[in-house]
Amino acid sequence: MSAETLFTRIINGEIPAEKIYEDDNCICIKDIAPKAPIHVLLIPRKAIPRLADATAEDKALLGQLMLTAGDIARQLGVDDAFRLIVNNGEAAGQTVFHLHLHILAGKGYSEANLGF
């Protein structure tokens, strides 16, 4: 098992976060440093450090994350236009080594203001 991360502590309730969704396999929280008007993080409860560290046994979980991202986009009213980002590794902008999907959207949002 990898070292405990900020997201593990949020999942365990040790650190407060504004949750907008949760189920047995994942949680979704608002990003504390948003890069778009809507910027949430979809985090699996299973600690997988990077997408490249996922294995065949994670296939169902990864599929569920994609479907859940669509459900969350619908819940937030942005299912017509949103972006999913997964940073894999420090050089790609990953700062918390617990796999997570960024869901970004909102009026005026463009690639120019990403900052990743």
C-alpha atoms as a PDB file:
ATOM      1  CA  MET A   1       0.000   0.000   0.000  1.00  0.00           C
ATOM      2  CA  SER A   2       1.253   3.469  -0.818  1.00  0.00           C
ATOM      3  CA  ALA A   3       1.797   6.209   1.750  1.00  0.00           C
ATOM      4  CA  GLU A   4      -1.263   8.039   3.048  1.00  0.00           C
ATOM      5  CA  THR A   5      -2.098  11.075   0.915  1.00  0.00           C
ATOM      6  CA  LEU A   6      -4.146  14.203   1.384  1.00  0.00           C
ATOM      7  CA  PHE A   7      -6.980  12.477  -0.484  1.00  0.00           C
ATOM      8  CA  THR A   8      -6.799   9.418   1.772  1.00  0.00           C
ATOM      9  CA  ARG A   9      -7.172  11.714   4.756  1.00  0.00           C
ATOM     10  CA  ILE A  10     -10.168  13.443   3.126  1.00  0.00           C
ATOM     11  CA  ILE A  11     -11.756  10.063   2.328  1.00  0.00           C
ATOM     12  CA  ASN A  12     -11.215   8.974   5.946  1.00  0.00           C
ATOM     13  CA  GLY A  13     -12.854  12.166   7.235  1.00  0.00           C
ATOM     14  CA  GLU A  14      -9.658  13.461   8.855  1.00  0.00           C
ATOM     15  CA  ILE A  15      -9.619  16.603   6.691  1.00  0.00           C
ATOM     16  CA  PRO A  16     -12.833  18.425   5.775  1.00  0.00           C
ATOM     17  CA  ALA A  17     -13.760  18.908   2.120  1.00  0.00           C
ATOM     18  CA  GLU A  18     -16.848  20.052   0.291  1.00  0.00           C
ATOM     19  CA  LYS A  19     -18.175  16.751  -1.049  1.00  0.00           C
ATOM     20  CA  ILE A  20     -20.619  16.889  -3.918  1.00  0.00           C
ATOM     21  CA  TYR A  21     -20.900  13.135  -4.465  1.00  0.00           C
ATOM     22  CA  GLU A  22     -19.850   9.894  -2.842  1.00  0.00           C
ATOM     23  CA  ASP A  23     -20.506   6.198  -3.151  1.00  0.00           C
ATOM     24  CA  ASP A  24     -18.777   2.991  -2.053  1.00  0.00           C
ATOM     25  CA  ASN A  25     -15.989   3.403  -4.624  1.00  0.00           C
ATOM     26  CA  CYS A  26     -15.316   7.123  -4.970  1.00  0.00           C
ATOM     27  CA  ILE A  27     -15.915  10.658  -3.765  1.00  0.00           C
ATOM     28  CA  CYS A  28     -16.131  13.963  -5.593  1.00  0.00           C
ATOM     29  CA  ILE A  29     -15.026  17.196  -3.948  1.00  0.00           C
ATOM     30  CA  LYS A  30     -14.673  20.814  -4.982  1.00  0.00           C
ATOM     31  CA  ASP A  31     -11.097  21.750  -5.872  1.00  0.00           C
ATOM     32  CA  ILE A  32      -9.634  24.224  -3.362  1.00  0.00           C
ATOM     33  CA  ALA A  33      -7.660  26.006  -6.119  1.00  0.00           C
ATOM     34  CA  PRO A  34     -10.076  25.943  -9.084  1.00  0.00           C
ATOM     35  CA  LYS A  35      -8.818  26.495 -12.628  1.00  0.00           C
ATOM     36  CA  ALA A  36     -12.337  26.942 -14.016  1.00  0.00           C
ATOM     37  CA  PRO A  37     -15.724  28.170 -12.738  1.00  0.00           C
ATOM     38  CA  ILE A  38     -16.579  24.507 -12.091  1.00  0.00           C
ATOM     39  CA  HIS A  39     -13.608  22.420 -10.978  1.00  0.00           C
ATOM     40  CA  VAL A  40     -14.192  19.251  -9.008  1.00  0.00           C
ATOM     41  CA  LEU A  41     -12.053  16.218  -8.285  1.00  0.00           C
ATOM     42  CA  LEU A  42     -13.331  12.670  -8.652  1.00  0.00           C
ATOM     43  CA  ILE A  43     -11.244  10.421  -6.407  1.00  0.00           C
ATOM     44  CA  PRO A  44     -11.403   6.638  -6.074  1.00  0.00           C
ATOM     45  CA  ARG A  45     -11.386   5.362  -2.499  1.00  0.00           C
ATOM     46  CA  LYS A  46      -8.746   2.837  -3.564  1.00  0.00           C
ATOM     47  CA  ALA A  47      -5.335   4.506  -3.406  1.00  0.00           C
ATOM     48  CA  ILE A  48      -3.750   4.127  -6.838  1.00  0.00           C
ATOM     49  CA  PRO A  49      -0.784   6.543  -6.999  1.00  0.00           C
ATOM     50  CA  ARG A  50      -0.913   7.254 -10.771  1.00  0.00           C
ATOM     51  CA  LEU A  51      -2.983   6.058 -13.701  1.00  0.00           C
ATOM     52  CA  ALA A  52       0.127   4.223 -14.926  1.00  0.00           C
ATOM     53  CA  ASP A  53       0.062   2.233 -11.662  1.00  0.00           C
ATOM     54  CA  ALA A  54      -3.437   0.847 -12.303  1.00  0.00           C
ATOM     55  CA  THR A  55      -3.663  -2.853 -13.110  1.00  0.00           C
ATOM     56  CA  ALA A  56      -6.147  -5.093 -14.879  1.00  0.00           C
ATOM     57  CA  GLU A  57      -7.869  -5.591 -11.518  1.00  0.00           C
ATOM     58  CA  ASP A  58      -8.698  -1.845 -11.548  1.00  0.00           C
ATOM     59  CA  LYS A  59     -10.517  -2.026 -14.891  1.00  0.00           C
ATOM     60  CA  ALA A  60     -14.048  -1.921 -13.428  1.00  0.00           C
ATOM     61  CA  LEU A  61     -13.130   0.930 -11.066  1.00  0.00           C
ATOM     62  CA  LEU A  62     -11.626   2.993 -13.892  1.00  0.00           C
ATOM     63  CA  GLY A  63     -14.747   2.433 -15.991  1.00  0.00           C
ATOM     64  CA  GLN A  64     -16.953   3.441 -13.079  1.00  0.00           C
ATOM     65  CA  LEU A  65     -14.950   6.656 -12.646  1.00  0.00           C
ATOM     66  CA  MET A  66     -15.624   7.602 -16.272  1.00  0.00           C
ATOM     67  CA  LEU A  67     -19.352   6.907 -15.967  1.00  0.00           C
ATOM     68  CA  THR A  68     -19.519   8.729 -12.640  1.00  0.00           C
ATOM     69  CA  ALA A  69     -17.771  11.746 -14.179  1.00  0.00           C
ATOM     70  CA  GLY A  70     -20.617  11.956 -16.700  1.00  0.00           C
ATOM     71  CA  ASP A  71     -23.207  11.655 -13.922  1.00  0.00           C
ATOM     72  CA  ILE A  72     -21.515  14.431 -11.957  1.00  0.00           C
ATOM     73  CA  ALA A  73     -21.358  16.658 -15.045  1.00  0.00           C
ATOM     74  CA  ARG A  74     -25.124  16.141 -15.466  1.00  0.00           C
ATOM     75  CA  GLN A  75     -25.675  16.902 -11.762  1.00  0.00           C
ATOM     76  CA  LEU A  76     -23.701  20.134 -12.170  1.00  0.00           C
ATOM     77  CA  GLY A  77     -25.543  21.053 -15.374  1.00  0.00           C
ATOM     78  CA  VAL A  78     -22.450  20.990 -17.581  1.00  0.00           C
ATOM     79  CA  ASP A  79     -22.886  17.679 -19.411  1.00  0.00           C
ATOM     80  CA  ASP A  80     -22.857  19.489 -22.795  1.00  0.00           C
ATOM     81  CA  ALA A  81     -19.327  20.842 -22.322  1.00  0.00           C
ATOM     82  CA  PHE A  82     -16.792  19.704 -19.755  1.00  0.00           C
ATOM     83  CA  ARG A  83     -13.214  18.503 -19.684  1.00  0.00           C
ATOM     84  CA  LEU A  84     -11.687  15.539 -17.855  1.00  0.00           C
ATOM     85  CA  ILE A  85      -8.013  15.697 -16.963  1.00  0.00           C
ATOM     86  CA  VAL A  86      -5.828  13.030 -15.388  1.00  0.00           C
ATOM     87  CA  ASN A  87      -2.287  14.127 -14.599  1.00  0.00           C
ATOM     88  CA  ASN A  88       0.131  11.194 -14.465  1.00  0.00           C
ATOM     89  CA  GLY A  89       3.377  12.012 -12.690  1.00  0.00           C
ATOM     90  CA  GLU A  90       5.004  15.152 -11.378  1.00  0.00           C
ATOM     91  CA  ALA A  91       6.209  16.299 -14.825  1.00  0.00           C
ATOM     92  CA  ALA A  92       2.569  16.169 -15.986  1.00  0.00           C
ATOM     93  CA  GLY A  93       1.386  18.364 -13.116  1.00  0.00           C
ATOM     94  CA  GLN A  94       0.327  15.705 -10.622  1.00  0.00           C
ATOM     95  CA  THR A  95       0.762  17.044  -7.089  1.00  0.00           C
ATOM     96  CA  VAL A  96      -1.178  14.462  -5.051  1.00  0.00           C
ATOM     97  CA  PHE A  97      -0.146  10.903  -5.813  1.00  0.00           C
ATOM     98  CA  HIS A  98      -3.578   9.352  -5.469  1.00  0.00           C
ATOM     99  CA  LEU A  99      -5.280   8.930  -8.846  1.00  0.00           C
ATOM    100  CA  HIS A 100      -8.008  11.516  -9.448  1.00  0.00           C
ATOM    101  CA  LEU A 101      -9.932  13.037 -12.326  1.00  0.00           C
ATOM    102  CA  HIS A 102     -10.347  16.784 -12.683  1.00  0.00           C
ATOM    103  CA  ILE A 103     -13.783  17.754 -14.044  1.00  0.00           C
ATOM    104  CA  LEU A 104     -13.644  21.316 -15.393  1.00  0.00           C
ATOM    105  CA  ALA A 105     -16.358  23.421 -16.998  1.00  0.00           C
ATOM    106  CA  GLY A 106     -18.245  26.668 -16.824  1.00  0.00           C
ATOM    107  CA  LYS A 107     -18.966  29.868 -18.643  1.00  0.00           C
ATOM    108  CA  GLY A 108     -15.843  31.491 -20.052  1.00  0.00           C
ATOM    109  CA  TYR A 109     -13.701  28.425 -19.436  1.00  0.00           C
ATOM    110  CA  SER A 110     -11.040  27.816 -22.073  1.00  0.00           C
ATOM    111  CA  GLU A 111      -7.719  26.065 -22.544  1.00  0.00           C
ATOM    112  CA  ALA A 112      -5.958  29.395 -22.082  1.00  0.00           C
ATOM    113  CA  ASN A 113      -6.705  29.491 -18.350  1.00  0.00           C
ATOM    114  CA  LEU A 114      -5.797  25.927 -17.429  1.00  0.00           C
ATOM    115  CA  GLY A 115      -2.540  26.575 -15.633  1.00  0.00           C
ATOM    116  CA  PHE A 116      -1.626  22.866 -15.604  1.00  0.00           C
END
